[in-house]
Amino acid sequence: MSKLKIVLLSGGSGTRLWPLSREAYPKQFLPLVGDRSLLQATWMRVRDLPGVDGPLVIANEEHRFIVAEQLQALGARAEALILEPVGRNTAPAIAIAALRATADGEDPVLLVLPSDHVIANEAAFRAAIVNALPVAEEGGLVTFGIVPNAPETGYGYIKAAAGEGLRPIERFVEKPDLATAQGYLAAGDYFWNSGMFLLRASRYLEELGRNAPEMLARCREALATAAIDKDFLRLGRAAFEACPADSIDYAVMEKTDRGFVLPVDVGWSDVGSWSALSDISARDVHGNAPRGDVIAIDTRNTLAWSDRRLVALVGLDDLVVVDTDDALLVAHRDRVQDVKHVVAKLKQESRSHAKLHRKVYRPWGSYDGIENGPGFQVKRITVKPGASLSLQMHHHRAEHWIIVRGNARVTCDENVFDLAANQSTFIPLGSKHRLENVGAELLELIEVQSGDYLGEDDIVRFEDVYGRN
């Protein structure tokens, strides 16, 4: 039996679930179903398959610390955490994984999984993987087709050859209109394209070299020029930027004569929209899917999500209501796909809401922008035990730090001193400073900034344990 290697693809931005999912903290890192994030749940459902070691993760470089921390919280250590400088779709990402997996002379079977899907019947999914493994070991390129339960127009479809169980792929088809999707559902041999694959590393590289040689060459170059950065492997930027962008479907699966599909009915969802999340969420007797502090009166078939505040709904039907710290979304269930237009407008207007939440995570902890106005900004900062911010200075702002909990060590120019709860200090504009948590518990403080410009890009770093510029 060949070695099985798990490849987690974690490069997505998940903007269709705005305002909960944003570029800097997209849906794969959110606990949308249950207490674990989608990334954590993806790893948990396959980690106990025979012969599996730590996952090989392909991620956006901006998310590197989030990925590492979420896996560490499960006691998992990635075999490799490879950082893409830019997104190039799934075909190059899987090529990088295959090249890395074969670099030491091994030729494992890769189980390639997007890190932002939900699977309700995990035991059935694991059984399907074991069922498909012999075909992948023999050189077949296997994908898992989802047995459709509705004429879905938001997914691509795979037409399977006649037969039962795992069988050859006849063709891939694009997202259909409703009438076509109804025909696919009635035919019984069309399945949703899940984007999950099982394939031997060398066979994928062979097919890619035949069908997209320029892509494979650039991926080889990007890996050859990669740099090790602590626990991360940074792909060579110039080579990867020059790599053609394409999906595995277009680059390989539509062209190979060794493509197979295994239909599965495992309670799968790509959680691609608010309506999709509503469909897999627990509902009350009126069809409502509440999350958080929600009161619904004479309301039906409505998803309501509240991070903190009470959300009260009266006399509503078929809505999606999502309340976060800094944004409120109200949309009809039939129009939630148009959330992408909201995100596009936010980007057009250069508003931070497209990328950042009010609470922003950093490798050392987080900060929450709780208040702002002309010339001032107030943040609640938390620093993990043993962590420290960079040694830095600001050209446009001064800062006043008030310790709420824990023990801080402060560097301000030539002075180094400790502060405890209910103590404070002032950091003048232009001073070189650093904040460290020297205690065993979380450090919490309130930071009051004042100045003529309070943007996050007003930071000059001199030293940083996390290697940031």
Foldseek 3Di string as FASTA:
>chain_A
DFAEAEEEEAADQLLLAPPVTFRLRGQQQDPLDPDGGLLLVVCVLPCPQPRYAAHAYEYAPSCQLSVQVSCVVVVGDHPAYEHEPDDQAALLVLLLVLCVVCVVPGWGKYWYDYSQKDFQFSVQVSVLCVVCQVLQVVFFKEFEFELDPALDQPFKKWFFDDDAFKGATPAIGHRDDSVVSVVVNVVRRIGGGRLIIIHISVSSLVQLCVQPVLQSVLSVQQQVPWDDAPRHTYTDRVSSVPHHGDYCVVRGVRPDRRYMYGYDHGRMDSCSHPLRSLVPADADPQSEHEADQEAEACEHNEYAYEPDDYHYYYNYYQWYWYDDPPDIDIGHNVCSSCSVVVLVVCVVVPHCSNHDDQWRADSQGIKHFPDDDQFKTKIKTKGAAFGKFFFKAFQWKKKKKAWQAAKKWKDWAPDIDIDGHRDIDIHDHPTGMMIGGHDNGMTIIMMMMGGNDDDPVRIDGDDDPNPDD
